[in-house]
Amino acid sequence: MQTSTHDDMSWTVAGAKAKLSEVMERAQLAPQTITRNGKPSVVVVSAEEWQKKTARRGSLAEFLLASPLRGADLDLQRQHDEPRDLSL
């Protein structure tokens, strides 16, 4: 049983179980939301979409070099406080 709320992209758990192949097929075109107790629970996306969303985009060094704060002449100093006494 598919719900028709969000342009046929939202499924109940029971509907998704009954029509898993269709959920997967439609996920190739657009994310499919599976609801539990009327609330969004999970989203099914294509493997290609997942790869795009989770792909590493450059290294940490590249990220830091591209920072808008690079060359901002910030005066960062470390605090030299004594450690807290954790004994009770």
Protein backbone atom coordinates (compact mmCIF):
# COMPACT_ATOMS: atom_id res chain seq x y z
CA MET A 1 0.00 0.00 0.00
CA GLN A 2 1.60 3.17 -1.17
CA THR A 3 0.54 6.48 0.22
CA SER A 4 0.05 9.32 -2.21
CA THR A 5 1.34 12.15 -0.02
CA HIS A 6 4.53 13.59 -1.59
CA ASP A 7 3.92 12.81 -5.28
CA ASP A 8 4.05 9.01 -4.98
CA MET A 9 7.44 9.07 -3.27
CA SER A 10 6.21 8.12 0.21
CA TRP A 11 5.49 4.57 1.33
CA THR A 12 4.23 2.94 4.50
CA VAL A 13 6.41 0.16 5.90
CA ALA A 14 3.83 -2.43 4.85
CA GLY A 15 3.57 -0.92 1.36
CA ALA A 16 7.33 -0.83 0.93
CA LYS A 17 7.66 -4.46 2.05
CA ALA A 18 4.94 -5.57 -0.33
CA LYS A 19 6.39 -3.66 -3.28
CA LEU A 20 10.12 -3.54 -2.54
CA SER A 21 11.04 -3.99 -6.21
CA GLU A 22 8.92 -0.97 -7.14
CA VAL A 23 10.41 1.12 -4.31
CA MET A 24 13.89 0.25 -5.59
CA GLU A 25 12.94 1.02 -9.19
CA ARG A 26 11.49 4.40 -8.27
CA ALA A 27 14.52 5.19 -6.08
CA GLN A 28 16.58 5.15 -9.28
CA LEU A 29 14.68 8.29 -10.31
CA ALA A 30 14.01 10.02 -6.98
CA PRO A 31 14.44 9.37 -3.23
CA GLN A 32 11.64 7.28 -1.72
CA THR A 33 10.52 7.95 1.87
CA ILE A 34 9.27 5.11 4.04
CA THR A 35 7.07 6.19 6.92
CA ARG A 36 6.40 4.50 10.24
CA ASN A 37 3.34 5.51 12.25
CA GLY A 38 2.75 8.35 9.79
CA LYS A 39 6.20 9.89 10.26
CA PRO A 40 9.18 9.73 7.87
CA SER A 41 11.52 6.97 9.05
CA VAL A 42 14.00 6.22 6.25
CA VAL A 43 14.80 7.35 2.72
CA VAL A 44 15.77 4.92 -0.04
CA VAL A 45 18.08 6.34 -2.71
CA SER A 46 19.88 4.80 -5.66
CA ALA A 47 23.42 3.54 -5.14
CA GLU A 48 24.63 6.20 -7.58
CA GLU A 49 22.97 8.97 -5.53
CA TRP A 50 24.43 7.54 -2.31
CA GLN A 51 27.93 7.52 -3.85
CA LYS A 52 27.53 11.18 -4.86
CA LYS A 53 26.40 12.18 -1.37
CA THR A 54 29.13 10.28 0.48
CA ALA A 55 32.09 10.80 -1.85
CA ARG A 56 35.12 12.47 -0.32
CA ARG A 57 35.65 15.92 -1.77
CA GLY A 58 39.35 16.67 -1.48
CA SER A 59 41.74 16.35 1.42
CA LEU A 60 41.83 18.14 4.76
CA ALA A 61 44.80 20.15 3.51
CA GLU A 62 42.81 21.33 0.48
CA PHE A 63 39.91 22.27 2.73
CA LEU A 64 42.14 24.30 5.03
CA LEU A 65 43.90 25.99 2.10
CA ALA A 66 40.52 27.04 0.68
CA SER A 67 39.34 28.49 4.01
CA PRO A 68 38.16 32.10 3.89
CA LEU A 69 40.15 32.61 7.13
CA ARG A 70 43.43 31.75 5.42
CA GLY A 71 45.75 34.72 5.78
CA ALA A 72 43.39 36.48 8.21
CA ASP A 73 46.28 37.00 10.67
CA LEU A 74 44.39 35.51 13.61
CA ASP A 75 46.17 35.63 16.95
CA LEU A 76 45.43 32.20 18.40
CA GLN A 77 46.95 31.50 21.77
CA ARG A 78 46.69 28.37 23.84
CA GLN A 79 45.45 28.74 27.39
CA HIS A 80 47.93 27.65 29.99
CA ASP A 81 45.49 27.05 32.85
CA GLU A 82 46.21 24.37 35.40
CA PRO A 83 44.22 21.13 34.96
CA ARG A 84 41.07 20.72 37.02
CA ASP A 85 41.22 18.64 40.20
CA LEU A 86 38.96 15.64 39.46
CA SER A 87 39.40 13.93 42.84
CA LEU A 88 36.32 13.93 45.03
